[in-house]
Protein backbone atom coordinates (compact mmCIF):
# COMPACT_ATOMS: atom_id res chain seq x y z
CA MET A 1 -90.48 146.92 112.38
CA SER A 2 -87.93 146.68 109.62
CA THR A 3 -88.67 146.48 105.88
CA ALA A 4 -87.40 142.87 105.78
CA GLN A 5 -89.86 141.89 108.57
CA ILE A 6 -92.77 143.59 106.79
CA SER A 7 -91.82 141.87 103.54
CA LYS A 8 -91.65 138.47 105.26
CA ILE A 9 -95.09 138.98 106.87
CA ALA A 10 -96.60 140.07 103.54
CA THR A 11 -95.14 137.05 101.76
CA THR A 12 -96.41 134.68 104.42
CA ALA A 13 -99.90 136.23 104.18
CA CYS A 14 -99.94 135.88 100.39
CA VAL A 15 -98.87 132.23 100.57
CA ALA A 16 -101.49 131.50 103.25
CA PHE A 17 -104.20 133.23 101.17
CA GLY A 18 -103.18 131.25 98.09
CA LEU A 19 -103.31 127.94 100.00
CA ALA A 20 -106.71 128.88 101.39
CA LEU A 21 -107.99 129.42 97.87
CA LEU A 22 -106.63 126.12 96.67
CA THR A 23 -108.11 124.13 99.54
CA SER A 24 -111.46 125.92 99.67
CA ALA A 25 -112.28 125.73 95.96
CA PRO A 26 -110.83 122.48 94.65
CA GLY A 27 -111.90 122.74 91.02
CA ALA A 28 -111.56 126.50 90.70
CA MET A 29 -107.79 126.81 90.53
CA ALA A 30 -107.23 123.56 88.62
CA GLY A 31 -109.67 124.37 85.83
CA GLY A 32 -112.32 122.00 87.12
CA PRO A 33 -115.51 121.16 85.25
CA LYS A 34 -117.31 124.32 86.44
CA HIS A 35 -114.65 126.48 84.82
CA CYS A 36 -114.05 124.50 81.66
CA PRO A 37 -113.98 126.58 78.44
CA PRO A 38 -116.88 125.69 76.09
CA GLY A 39 -114.63 124.36 73.33
CA LEU A 40 -112.88 121.95 75.66
CA ALA A 41 -116.13 121.00 77.46
CA LYS A 42 -117.58 119.76 74.14
CA LYS A 43 -114.57 117.45 73.70
CA GLY A 44 -115.16 115.91 77.17
CA SER A 45 -111.90 117.09 78.70
CA CYS A 46 -110.91 120.39 80.31
CA THR A 47 -107.23 119.75 79.68
CA PRO A 48 -105.84 121.54 76.60
CA PRO A 49 -104.44 119.14 73.98
CA GLY A 50 -100.82 120.15 74.55
CA HIS A 51 -101.07 119.40 78.26
CA ARG A 52 -102.57 115.89 78.01
CA LYS A 53 -100.60 112.93 79.15
CA HIS A 54 -99.95 110.24 76.59
CA TRP A 55 -99.18 106.74 77.74
CA SER A 56 -96.98 104.11 76.13
CA LYS A 57 -96.91 100.32 76.13
CA GLY A 58 -96.32 99.09 79.68
CA ASP A 59 -97.44 102.26 81.42
CA ARG A 60 -100.14 101.93 84.08
CA ILE A 61 -103.14 104.23 83.80
CA PRO A 62 -103.61 105.92 87.21
CA ASP A 63 -106.91 105.42 89.05
CA ASP A 64 -107.67 109.16 89.05
CA VAL A 65 -107.63 109.38 85.24
CA GLU A 66 -111.08 109.54 83.66
CA ILE A 67 -111.48 106.78 81.08
CA ARG A 68 -114.32 105.85 78.75
CA VAL A 69 -114.61 102.18 77.80
CA ILE A 70 -115.13 101.62 74.07
CA VAL A 71 -117.79 99.04 73.28
CA ASN A 72 -118.41 99.91 69.64
CA HIS A 73 -115.26 98.45 68.11
CA ASP A 74 -116.46 98.88 64.52
CA ARG A 75 -116.68 102.64 64.94
CA TYR A 76 -112.95 102.81 65.70
CA ARG A 77 -112.06 99.96 63.37
CA VAL A 78 -110.28 97.99 66.03
CA ARG A 79 -110.36 94.24 66.60
CA ARG A 80 -112.40 92.78 69.43
CA PRO A 81 -110.24 92.70 72.55
CA ARG A 82 -109.34 89.33 74.11
CA ASP A 83 -110.70 88.31 77.49
CA GLY A 84 -109.22 90.58 80.15
CA GLU A 85 -108.48 93.36 77.71
CA VAL A 86 -110.51 96.47 76.96
CA TYR A 87 -110.22 99.49 74.70
CA VAL A 88 -110.50 102.83 76.43
CA GLU A 89 -110.52 106.45 75.34
CA ILE A 90 -108.59 108.95 77.39
CA GLY A 91 -108.64 112.56 76.20
CA GLY A 92 -109.25 111.57 72.60
CA ASP A 93 -106.56 108.87 72.51
CA ILE A 94 -107.38 105.17 72.28
CA TYR A 95 -105.57 102.55 74.32
CA LEU A 96 -105.88 98.77 74.64
CA ILE A 97 -105.31 98.02 78.33
CA ALA A 98 -105.34 95.04 80.63
CA GLU A 99 -108.62 95.34 82.53
CA ALA A 100 -107.28 94.06 85.85
CA THR A 101 -104.03 96.08 86.02
CA LYS A 102 -104.78 99.05 83.74
CA ARG A 103 -101.43 98.49 81.99
CA VAL A 104 -101.26 99.73 78.42
CA ILE A 105 -100.93 96.87 75.91
CA GLU A 106 -101.14 99.06 72.82
CA ALA A 107 -101.59 102.77 72.06
CA ILE A 108 -103.83 103.07 69.06
CA ASN A 109 -103.19 105.81 66.54
CA LEU A 110 -106.61 106.85 65.19
CA VAL A 111 -105.16 107.46 61.72
CA ASP A 112 -103.86 103.88 61.67
CA ALA A 113 -107.17 102.56 62.98
CA ALA A 114 -109.05 104.37 60.20
CA THR A 115 -106.94 102.73 57.49
CA ARG A 116 -107.27 99.16 58.81
């Protein structure tokens, strides 16, 4: 067996082993809740701040994104949403979205909300 053949077999084995790890332990490789660092777990998100996705007006929030509906509008100093709209918190950011379509109507800057 040549060195090139041995190298190819070793590479294939490593790729297969990596795929087996990814499929057998879904949260383990992606930093799932079981492996969330304590500082990020307290904030309710295992995604570091620099890696979070920020949405803009018109963007649709995907179904797999964890959102928290805001019901205490006074706490965030935001107006009551109109019918069919709802304020949500995603990774520490506040968005006004259309409830039916999950389209972003407005991205709320918390500093702006605090000064209203």
